[in-house]
Amino acid sequence: MPNLGIPELLIILAIIVLLFGVGKLPQLGKGIGEGIRNFKQAVKDGGQDSEKKDPPAGTGSGNTPSSPK
């Protein structure tokens, strides 16, 4: 993996500023921070939230085939 020093990081920062503009940087940072926070929370919970949100496979009023006629 290549080593990223100060000059390389400054070049990357300059490219980001050119692409997004100075006004969007706080929004971009906030979005990245929220994404990292949500990821850490999901890893900490072990995916338990997704199991609670999804209904069990056999329940619901989905399209189930009727008995043959």
C-alpha atoms as a PDB file:
ATOM      1  CA  MET A   1       0.000   0.000   0.000  1.00  0.00           C
ATOM      2  CA  PRO A   2       1.479   3.366  -0.915  1.00  0.00           C
ATOM      3  CA  ASN A   3       2.441   5.737   1.858  1.00  0.00           C
ATOM      4  CA  LEU A   4       0.418   8.952   1.881  1.00  0.00           C
ATOM      5  CA  GLY A   5       2.424  11.879   3.177  1.00  0.00           C
ATOM      6  CA  ILE A   6       1.489  15.502   3.726  1.00  0.00           C
ATOM      7  CA  PRO A   7       2.048  16.556   0.073  1.00  0.00           C
ATOM      8  CA  GLU A   8      -0.191  13.768  -1.226  1.00  0.00           C
ATOM      9  CA  LEU A   9      -2.941  14.574   1.283  1.00  0.00           C
ATOM     10  CA  LEU A  10      -2.804  18.263   0.339  1.00  0.00           C
ATOM     11  CA  ILE A  11      -3.162  17.372  -3.343  1.00  0.00           C
ATOM     12  CA  ILE A  12      -6.171  15.159  -2.555  1.00  0.00           C
ATOM     13  CA  LEU A  13      -7.714  17.964  -0.472  1.00  0.00           C
ATOM     14  CA  ALA A  14      -7.169  20.452  -3.311  1.00  0.00           C
ATOM     15  CA  ILE A  15      -8.882  18.105  -5.775  1.00  0.00           C
ATOM     16  CA  ILE A  16     -11.843  17.673  -3.402  1.00  0.00           C
ATOM     17  CA  VAL A  17     -12.156  21.454  -3.013  1.00  0.00           C
ATOM     18  CA  LEU A  18     -12.078  21.864  -6.800  1.00  0.00           C
ATOM     19  CA  LEU A  19     -14.741  19.193  -7.313  1.00  0.00           C
ATOM     20  CA  PHE A  20     -17.181  20.129  -4.561  1.00  0.00           C
ATOM     21  CA  GLY A  21     -16.381  23.763  -3.803  1.00  0.00           C
ATOM     22  CA  VAL A  22     -15.752  25.347  -0.434  1.00  0.00           C
ATOM     23  CA  GLY A  23     -19.460  25.751   0.362  1.00  0.00           C
ATOM     24  CA  LYS A  24     -20.239  22.030   0.121  1.00  0.00           C
ATOM     25  CA  LEU A  25     -17.325  20.827   2.278  1.00  0.00           C
ATOM     26  CA  PRO A  26     -19.225  21.074   5.609  1.00  0.00           C
ATOM     27  CA  GLN A  27     -22.147  19.106   4.134  1.00  0.00           C
ATOM     28  CA  LEU A  28     -19.755  16.538   2.694  1.00  0.00           C
ATOM     29  CA  GLY A  29     -17.970  16.164   6.032  1.00  0.00           C
ATOM     30  CA  LYS A  30     -21.277  15.837   7.870  1.00  0.00           C
ATOM     31  CA  GLY A  31     -22.471  13.146   5.469  1.00  0.00           C
ATOM     32  CA  ILE A  32     -19.246  11.175   5.780  1.00  0.00           C
ATOM     33  CA  GLY A  33     -19.339  11.483   9.571  1.00  0.00           C
ATOM     34  CA  GLU A  34     -22.936  10.258   9.751  1.00  0.00           C
ATOM     35  CA  GLY A  35     -22.112   7.356   7.459  1.00  0.00           C
ATOM     36  CA  ILE A  36     -19.174   6.301   9.615  1.00  0.00           C
ATOM     37  CA  ARG A  37     -21.272   6.670  12.779  1.00  0.00           C
ATOM     38  CA  ASN A  38     -24.098   4.558  11.314  1.00  0.00           C
ATOM     39  CA  PHE A  39     -21.628   1.913  10.158  1.00  0.00           C
ATOM     40  CA  LYS A  40     -20.008   1.692  13.598  1.00  0.00           C
ATOM     41  CA  GLN A  41     -23.438   1.459  15.248  1.00  0.00           C
ATOM     42  CA  ALA A  42     -24.481  -1.334  12.881  1.00  0.00           C
ATOM     43  CA  VAL A  43     -21.274  -3.252  13.571  1.00  0.00           C
ATOM     44  CA  LYS A  44     -21.748  -2.744  17.313  1.00  0.00           C
ATOM     45  CA  ASP A  45     -25.367  -3.957  17.185  1.00  0.00           C
ATOM     46  CA  GLY A  46     -24.406  -6.979  15.124  1.00  0.00           C
ATOM     47  CA  GLY A  47     -27.199  -6.492  12.604  1.00  0.00           C
ATOM     48  CA  GLN A  48     -29.943  -6.953  15.200  1.00  0.00           C
ATOM     49  CA  ASP A  49     -31.908  -3.949  13.922  1.00  0.00           C
ATOM     50  CA  SER A  50     -32.344  -5.421  10.451  1.00  0.00           C
ATOM     51  CA  GLU A  51     -33.764  -8.627  11.927  1.00  0.00           C
ATOM     52  CA  LYS A  52     -36.367  -6.640  13.868  1.00  0.00           C
ATOM     53  CA  LYS A  53     -37.447  -4.617  10.826  1.00  0.00           C
ATOM     54  CA  ASP A  54     -37.856  -7.546   8.418  1.00  0.00           C
ATOM     55  CA  PRO A  55     -41.032  -9.606   8.906  1.00  0.00           C
ATOM     56  CA  PRO A  56     -40.684 -13.385   9.139  1.00  0.00           C
ATOM     57  CA  ALA A  57     -40.829 -15.243   5.828  1.00  0.00           C
ATOM     58  CA  GLY A  58     -44.152 -17.027   6.363  1.00  0.00           C
ATOM     59  CA  THR A  59     -46.238 -14.030   7.441  1.00  0.00           C
ATOM     60  CA  GLY A  60     -47.898 -11.244   5.556  1.00  0.00           C
ATOM     61  CA  SER A  61     -50.398 -10.935   2.757  1.00  0.00           C
ATOM     62  CA  GLY A  62     -47.944 -11.393  -0.100  1.00  0.00           C
ATOM     63  CA  ASN A  63     -48.762 -13.126  -3.342  1.00  0.00           C
ATOM     64  CA  THR A  64     -48.991 -16.767  -2.369  1.00  0.00           C
ATOM     65  CA  PRO A  65     -50.092 -19.338  -4.917  1.00  0.00           C
ATOM     66  CA  SER A  66     -53.552 -20.730  -4.333  1.00  0.00           C
ATOM     67  CA  SER A  67     -54.301 -24.424  -4.317  1.00  0.00           C
ATOM     68  CA  PRO A  68     -54.567 -26.036  -7.771  1.00  0.00           C
ATOM     69  CA  LYS A  69     -58.058 -26.378  -9.210  1.00  0.00           C
END
